[in-house]
């Protein structure tokens, strides 16, 4: 049985860096969520700072949490 994985990708700005590679992100629609850093970004030591524009993948089950998958420019 194949699971249909529909992850929502949204753009936002990092507001605050928290311990353990977690971040508070404000999305374009004004919603604030908690997001953690994706494994590939951790592997390649990509630094995320407050003010960075990021893309976040969110699960349809919990829209208050997400995973940062891309860091754009400031």
PDB file of N, CA and C in Angstrom:
ATOM      1  N   UNK A   1       0.839  -1.177   0.000  1.00  0.00           N
ATOM      2  CA  UNK A   1       0.000   0.000   0.000  1.00  0.00           C
ATOM      3  C   UNK A   1       0.881   1.236   0.000  1.00  0.00           C
ATOM      4  N   UNK A   2       0.654   2.126  -0.921  1.00  0.00           N
ATOM      5  CA  UNK A   2       1.458   3.329  -1.045  1.00  0.00           C
ATOM      6  C   UNK A   2       0.782   4.479  -0.313  1.00  0.00           C
ATOM      7  N   UNK A   3       1.543   5.181   0.528  1.00  0.00           N
ATOM      8  CA  UNK A   3       1.006   6.332   1.237  1.00  0.00           C
ATOM      9  C   UNK A   3       1.122   7.569   0.362  1.00  0.00           C
ATOM     10  N   UNK A   4       0.087   8.349   0.330  1.00  0.00           N
ATOM     11  CA  UNK A   4       0.101   9.592  -0.437  1.00  0.00           C
ATOM     12  C   UNK A   4       0.588  10.704   0.485  1.00  0.00           C
ATOM     13  N   UNK A   5       1.813  11.150   0.290  1.00  0.00           N
ATOM     14  CA  UNK A   5       2.402  12.165   1.160  1.00  0.00           C
ATOM     15  C   UNK A   5       2.276  13.521   0.491  1.00  0.00           C
ATOM     16  N   UNK A   6       1.441  14.342   1.043  1.00  0.00           N
ATOM     17  CA  UNK A   6       1.234  15.688   0.529  1.00  0.00           C
ATOM     18  C   UNK A   6       1.782  16.674   1.554  1.00  0.00           C
ATOM     19  N   UNK A   7       2.994  17.149   1.355  1.00  0.00           N
ATOM     20  CA  UNK A   7       3.569  18.143   2.236  1.00  0.00           C
ATOM     21  C   UNK A   7       3.346  19.519   1.635  1.00  0.00           C
ATOM     22  N   UNK A   8       2.932  20.432   2.465  1.00  0.00           N
ATOM     23  CA  UNK A   8       2.714  21.804   2.032  1.00  0.00           C
ATOM     24  C   UNK A   8       4.016  22.573   2.171  1.00  0.00           C
ATOM     25  N   UNK A   9       4.397  23.314   1.137  1.00  0.00           N
ATOM     26  CA  UNK A   9       5.598  24.157   1.195  1.00  0.00           C
ATOM     27  C   UNK A   9       5.177  25.597   1.260  1.00  0.00           C
ATOM     28  N   UNK A  10       5.655  26.291   2.298  1.00  0.00           N
ATOM     29  CA  UNK A  10       5.331  27.702   2.466  1.00  0.00           C
ATOM     30  C   UNK A  10       6.618  28.473   2.722  1.00  0.00           C
ATOM     31  N   UNK A  11       6.577  29.765   2.431  1.00  0.00           N
ATOM     32  CA  UNK A  11       7.727  30.634   2.636  1.00  0.00           C
ATOM     33  C   UNK A  11       7.491  31.469   3.880  1.00  0.00           C
ATOM     34  N   UNK A  12       8.578  31.707   4.626  1.00  0.00           N
ATOM     35  CA  UNK A  12       8.464  32.510   5.831  1.00  0.00           C
ATOM     36  C   UNK A  12       9.792  33.131   6.209  1.00  0.00           C
ATOM     37  N   UNK A  13       9.780  33.873   7.316  1.00  0.00           N
ATOM     38  CA  UNK A  13      10.971  34.550   7.826  1.00  0.00           C
ATOM     39  C   UNK A  13      11.241  34.051   9.238  1.00  0.00           C
ATOM     40  N   UNK A  14      12.499  33.734   9.518  1.00  0.00           N
ATOM     41  CA  UNK A  14      12.893  33.245  10.836  1.00  0.00           C
ATOM     42  C   UNK A  14      12.842  34.404  11.824  1.00  0.00           C
ATOM     43  N   UNK A  15      12.103  34.212  12.908  1.00  0.00           N
ATOM     44  CA  UNK A  15      11.996  35.235  13.943  1.00  0.00           C
ATOM     45  C   UNK A  15      13.002  35.028  15.056  1.00  0.00           C
ATOM     46  N   UNK A  16      13.190  33.757  15.448  1.00  0.00           N
ATOM     47  CA  UNK A  16      14.004  33.466  16.628  1.00  0.00           C
ATOM     48  C   UNK A  16      14.661  32.101  16.474  1.00  0.00           C
ATOM     49  N   UNK A  17      15.917  32.013  16.886  1.00  0.00           N
ATOM     50  CA  UNK A  17      16.628  30.734  16.904  1.00  0.00           C
ATOM     51  C   UNK A  17      16.517  30.156  18.305  1.00  0.00           C
ATOM     52  N   UNK A  18      16.059  28.918  18.405  1.00  0.00           N
ATOM     53  CA  UNK A  18      15.878  28.235  19.687  1.00  0.00           C
ATOM     54  C   UNK A  18      16.888  27.104  19.801  1.00  0.00           C
ATOM     55  N   UNK A  19      17.050  26.534  20.981  1.00  0.00           N
ATOM     56  CA  UNK A  19      18.011  25.427  21.133  1.00  0.00           C
ATOM     57  C   UNK A  19      17.644  24.217  20.274  1.00  0.00           C
ATOM     58  N   UNK A  20      18.660  23.422  19.986  1.00  0.00           N
ATOM     59  CA  UNK A  20      18.478  22.137  19.310  1.00  0.00           C
ATOM     60  C   UNK A  20      17.942  22.293  17.888  1.00  0.00           C
ATOM     61  N   UNK A  21      18.463  23.236  17.147  1.00  0.00           N
ATOM     62  CA  UNK A  21      18.136  23.517  15.746  1.00  0.00           C
ATOM     63  C   UNK A  21      16.628  23.666  15.505  1.00  0.00           C
ATOM     64  N   UNK A  22      15.938  24.296  16.453  1.00  0.00           N
ATOM     65  CA  UNK A  22      14.543  24.663  16.273  1.00  0.00           C
ATOM     66  C   UNK A  22      14.469  26.170  16.067  1.00  0.00           C
ATOM     67  N   UNK A  23      13.456  26.595  15.314  1.00  0.00           N
ATOM     68  CA  UNK A  23      13.310  28.007  14.985  1.00  0.00           C
ATOM     69  C   UNK A  23      11.845  28.397  15.042  1.00  0.00           C
ATOM     70  N   UNK A  24      11.599  29.652  15.394  1.00  0.00           N
ATOM     71  CA  UNK A  24      10.254  30.203  15.305  1.00  0.00           C
ATOM     72  C   UNK A  24      10.184  30.953  13.977  1.00  0.00           C
ATOM     73  N   UNK A  25       9.204  30.599  13.133  1.00  0.00           N
ATOM     74  CA  UNK A  25       9.106  31.144  11.780  1.00  0.00           C
ATOM     75  C   UNK A  25       7.735  31.787  11.600  1.00  0.00           C
ATOM     76  N   UNK A  26       7.711  32.994  11.013  1.00  0.00           N
ATOM     77  CA  UNK A  26       6.449  33.631  10.633  1.00  0.00           C
ATOM     78  C   UNK A  26       6.251  33.411   9.139  1.00  0.00           C
ATOM     79  N   UNK A  27       5.156  32.745   8.799  1.00  0.00           N
ATOM     80  CA  UNK A  27       4.850  32.448   7.406  1.00  0.00           C
ATOM     81  C   UNK A  27       4.267  33.679   6.720  1.00  0.00           C
ATOM     82  N   UNK A  28       4.171  33.623   5.388  1.00  0.00           N
ATOM     83  CA  UNK A  28       3.646  34.743   4.605  1.00  0.00           C
ATOM     84  C   UNK A  28       2.220  35.110   4.992  1.00  0.00           C
ATOM     85  N   UNK A  29       1.439  34.115   5.426  1.00  0.00           N
ATOM     86  CA  UNK A  29       0.048  34.382   5.791  1.00  0.00           C
ATOM     87  C   UNK A  29      -0.101  34.897   7.220  1.00  0.00           C
ATOM     88  N   UNK A  30       1.026  35.132   7.929  1.00  0.00           N
ATOM     89  CA  UNK A  30       0.987  35.700   9.273  1.00  0.00           C
ATOM     90  C   UNK A  30       1.010  34.673  10.390  1.00  0.00           C
ATOM     91  N   UNK A  31       0.903  33.408  10.069  1.00  0.00           N
ATOM     92  CA  UNK A  31       0.897  32.346  11.072  1.00  0.00           C
ATOM     93  C   UNK A  31       2.320  32.103  11.589  1.00  0.00           C
ATOM     94  N   UNK A  32       2.477  31.907  12.903  1.00  0.00           N
ATOM     95  CA  UNK A  32       3.776  31.594  13.493  1.00  0.00           C
ATOM     96  C   UNK A  32       3.829  30.112  13.827  1.00  0.00           C
ATOM     97  N   UNK A  33       4.913  29.448  13.412  1.00  0.00           N
ATOM     98  CA  UNK A  33       5.062  28.018  13.656  1.00  0.00           C
ATOM     99  C   UNK A  33       6.447  27.736  14.231  1.00  0.00           C
ATOM    100  N   UNK A  34       6.611  26.537  14.762  1.00  0.00           N
ATOM    101  CA  UNK A  34       7.911  26.024  15.186  1.00  0.00           C
ATOM    102  C   UNK A  34       8.429  25.136  14.062  1.00  0.00           C
ATOM    103  N   UNK A  35       9.690  25.309  13.700  1.00  0.00           N
ATOM    104  CA  UNK A  35      10.263  24.504  12.619  1.00  0.00           C
ATOM    105  C   UNK A  35      11.638  24.005  13.036  1.00  0.00           C
ATOM    106  N   UNK A  36      11.976  22.802  12.599  1.00  0.00           N
ATOM    107  CA  UNK A  36      13.320  22.274  12.851  1.00  0.00           C
ATOM    108  C   UNK A  36      14.066  22.192  11.520  1.00  0.00           C
ATOM    109  N   UNK A  37      15.362  22.049  11.622  1.00  0.00           N
ATOM    110  CA  UNK A  37      16.229  22.051  10.450  1.00  0.00           C
ATOM    111  C   UNK A  37      16.242  20.664   9.812  1.00  0.00           C
ATOM    112  N   UNK A  38      16.124  20.604   8.503  1.00  0.00           N
ATOM    113  CA  UNK A  38      16.156  19.330   7.778  1.00  0.00           C
ATOM    114  C   UNK A  38      17.557  18.715   7.860  1.00  0.00           C
ATOM    115  N   UNK A  39      17.621  17.420   7.691  1.00  0.00           N
ATOM    116  CA  UNK A  39      18.871  16.675   7.828  1.00  0.00           C
ATOM    117  C   UNK A  39      19.973  17.112   6.866  1.00  0.00           C
ATOM    118  N   UNK A  40      19.617  17.390   5.608  1.00  0.00           N
ATOM    119  CA  UNK A  40      20.637  17.804   4.633  1.00  0.00           C
ATOM    120  C   UNK A  40      21.243  19.150   5.011  1.00  0.00           C
ATOM    121  N   UNK A  41      20.418  20.064   5.551  1.00  0.00           N
ATOM    122  CA  UNK A  41      20.947  21.359   5.978  1.00  0.00           C
ATOM    123  C   UNK A  41      21.879  21.192   7.173  1.00  0.00           C
ATOM    124  N   UNK A  42      21.564  20.260   8.055  1.00  0.00           N
ATOM    125  CA  UNK A  42      22.450  19.964   9.196  1.00  0.00           C
ATOM    126  C   UNK A  42      23.754  19.349   8.717  1.00  0.00           C
ATOM    127  N   UNK A  43      23.650  18.409   7.762  1.00  0.00           N
ATOM    128  CA  UNK A  43      24.833  17.707   7.262  1.00  0.00           C
ATOM    129  C   UNK A  43      25.851  18.658   6.656  1.00  0.00           C
ATOM    130  N   UNK A  44      25.361  19.650   5.910  1.00  0.00           N
ATOM    131  CA  UNK A  44      26.252  20.571   5.223  1.00  0.00           C
ATOM    132  C   UNK A  44      26.480  21.872   5.992  1.00  0.00           C
ATOM    133  N   UNK A  45      26.083  21.885   7.288  1.00  0.00           N
ATOM    134  CA  UNK A  45      26.325  23.013   8.197  1.00  0.00           C
ATOM    135  C   UNK A  45      25.815  24.338   7.640  1.00  0.00           C
ATOM    136  N   UNK A  46      24.586  24.326   7.102  1.00  0.00           N
ATOM    137  CA  UNK A  46      23.962  25.552   6.607  1.00  0.00           C
ATOM    138  C   UNK A  46      23.467  26.336   7.823  1.00  0.00           C
ATOM    139  N   UNK A  47      23.922  27.571   7.955  1.00  0.00           N
ATOM    140  CA  UNK A  47      23.558  28.396   9.106  1.00  0.00           C
ATOM    141  C   UNK A  47      22.255  29.134   8.823  1.00  0.00           C
ATOM    142  N   UNK A  48      21.360  29.104   9.786  1.00  0.00           N
ATOM    143  CA  UNK A  48      20.094  29.831   9.717  1.00  0.00           C
ATOM    144  C   UNK A  48      20.116  30.864  10.835  1.00  0.00           C
ATOM    145  N   UNK A  49      19.875  32.127  10.484  1.00  0.00           N
ATOM    146  CA  UNK A  49      19.882  33.220  11.448  1.00  0.00           C
ATOM    147  C   UNK A  49      18.535  33.934  11.422  1.00  0.00           C
ATOM    148  N   UNK A  50      18.182  34.607  12.518  1.00  0.00           N
ATOM    149  CA  UNK A  50      16.944  35.400  12.496  1.00  0.00           C
ATOM    150  C   UNK A  50      16.979  36.429  11.372  1.00  0.00           C
ATOM    151  N   UNK A  51      15.889  36.538  10.643  1.00  0.00           N
ATOM    152  CA  UNK A  51      15.807  37.440   9.499  1.00  0.00           C
ATOM    153  C   UNK A  51      15.957  36.728   8.165  1.00  0.00           C
ATOM    154  N   UNK A  52      16.417  35.474   8.166  1.00  0.00           N
ATOM    155  CA  UNK A  52      16.570  34.716   6.926  1.00  0.00           C
ATOM    156  C   UNK A  52      15.207  34.315   6.376  1.00  0.00           C
ATOM    157  N   UNK A  53      15.093  34.317   5.061  1.00  0.00           N
ATOM    158  CA  UNK A  53      13.891  33.834   4.402  1.00  0.00           C
ATOM    159  C   UNK A  53      14.079  32.341   4.142  1.00  0.00           C
ATOM    160  N   UNK A  54      13.098  31.536   4.520  1.00  0.00           N
ATOM    161  CA  UNK A  54      13.217  30.082   4.416  1.00  0.00           C
ATOM    162  C   UNK A  54      11.951  29.498   3.792  1.00  0.00           C
ATOM    163  N   UNK A  55      12.111  28.279   3.245  1.00  0.00           N
ATOM    164  CA  UNK A  55      10.955  27.496   2.801  1.00  0.00           C
ATOM    165  C   UNK A  55      10.744  26.395   3.819  1.00  0.00           C
ATOM    166  N   UNK A  56       9.493  26.208   4.217  1.00  0.00           N
ATOM    167  CA  UNK A  56       9.139  25.246   5.258  1.00  0.00           C
ATOM    168  C   UNK A  56       8.183  24.227   4.677  1.00  0.00           C
ATOM    169  N   UNK A  57       8.461  22.946   4.921  1.00  0.00           N
ATOM    170  CA  UNK A  57       7.528  21.864   4.578  1.00  0.00           C
ATOM    171  C   UNK A  57       6.685  21.582   5.804  1.00  0.00           C
ATOM    172  N   UNK A  58       5.376  21.560   5.602  1.00  0.00           N
ATOM    173  CA  UNK A  58       4.470  21.300   6.717  1.00  0.00           C
ATOM    174  C   UNK A  58       3.607  20.091   6.426  1.00  0.00           C
ATOM    175  N   UNK A  59       3.365  19.308   7.450  1.00  0.00           N
ATOM    176  CA  UNK A  59       2.495  18.149   7.322  1.00  0.00           C
ATOM    177  C   UNK A  59       1.044  18.608   7.377  1.00  0.00           C
ATOM    178  N   UNK A  60       0.150  17.940   6.662  1.00  0.00           N
ATOM    179  CA  UNK A  60      -1.269  18.325   6.748  1.00  0.00           C
ATOM    180  C   UNK A  60      -1.892  17.967   8.102  1.00  0.00           C
ATOM    181  N   UNK A  61      -1.207  17.170   8.908  1.00  0.00           N
ATOM    182  CA  UNK A  61      -1.754  16.742  10.190  1.00  0.00           C
ATOM    183  C   UNK A  61      -1.522  17.758  11.298  1.00  0.00           C
ATOM    184  N   UNK A  62      -0.382  18.452  11.284  1.00  0.00           N
ATOM    185  CA  UNK A  62      -0.068  19.424  12.327  1.00  0.00           C
ATOM    186  C   UNK A  62       0.481  20.676  11.665  1.00  0.00           C
ATOM    187  N   UNK A  63      -0.329  21.717  11.613  1.00  0.00           N
ATOM    188  CA  UNK A  63       0.073  22.927  10.911  1.00  0.00           C
ATOM    189  C   UNK A  63       0.797  23.923  11.802  1.00  0.00           C
ATOM    190  N   UNK A  64       1.144  23.528  13.010  1.00  0.00           N
ATOM    191  CA  UNK A  64       1.914  24.385  13.913  1.00  0.00           C
ATOM    192  C   UNK A  64       3.400  24.033  13.903  1.00  0.00           C
ATOM    193  N   UNK A  65       3.764  22.952  13.219  1.00  0.00           N
ATOM    194  CA  UNK A  65       5.153  22.507  13.162  1.00  0.00           C
ATOM    195  C   UNK A  65       5.569  22.282  11.711  1.00  0.00           C
ATOM    196  N   UNK A  66       6.879  22.410  11.463  1.00  0.00           N
ATOM    197  CA  UNK A  66       7.356  22.209  10.110  1.00  0.00           C
ATOM    198  C   UNK A  66       8.837  21.887  10.080  1.00  0.00           C
ATOM    199  N   UNK A  67       9.357  21.717   8.868  1.00  0.00           N
ATOM    200  CA  UNK A  67      10.767  21.393   8.658  1.00  0.00           C
ATOM    201  C   UNK A  67      11.329  22.384   7.648  1.00  0.00           C
ATOM    202  N   UNK A  68      12.416  23.061   8.000  1.00  0.00           N
ATOM    203  CA  UNK A  68      13.053  24.019   7.100  1.00  0.00           C
ATOM    204  C   UNK A  68      13.843  23.228   6.068  1.00  0.00           C
ATOM    205  N   UNK A  69      13.518  23.418   4.780  1.00  0.00           N
ATOM    206  CA  UNK A  69      14.169  22.654   3.716  1.00  0.00           C
ATOM    207  C   UNK A  69      15.005  23.515   2.791  1.00  0.00           C
ATOM    208  N   UNK A  70      14.892  24.861   2.885  1.00  0.00           N
ATOM    209  CA  UNK A  70      15.660  25.733   1.997  1.00  0.00           C
ATOM    210  C   UNK A  70      15.840  27.084   2.669  1.00  0.00           C
ATOM    211  N   UNK A  71      17.050  27.637   2.565  1.00  0.00           N
ATOM    212  CA  UNK A  71      17.332  28.979   3.085  1.00  0.00           C
ATOM    213  C   UNK A  71      17.593  29.903   1.913  1.00  0.00           C
ATOM    214  N   UNK A  72      16.807  30.960   1.832  1.00  0.00           N
ATOM    215  CA  UNK A  72      16.989  31.956   0.780  1.00  0.00           C
ATOM    216  C   UNK A  72      17.861  33.103   1.278  1.00  0.00           C
ATOM    217  N   UNK A  73      17.759  34.221   0.617  1.00  0.00           N
ATOM    218  CA  UNK A  73      18.541  35.386   1.027  1.00  0.00           C
ATOM    219  C   UNK A  73      17.791  36.159   2.111  1.00  0.00           C
ATOM    220  N   UNK A  74      18.467  37.147   2.666  1.00  0.00           N
ATOM    221  CA  UNK A  74      17.846  37.943   3.726  1.00  0.00           C
ATOM    222  C   UNK A  74      16.916  38.961   3.155  1.00  0.00           C
TER     223      UNK A  74
END
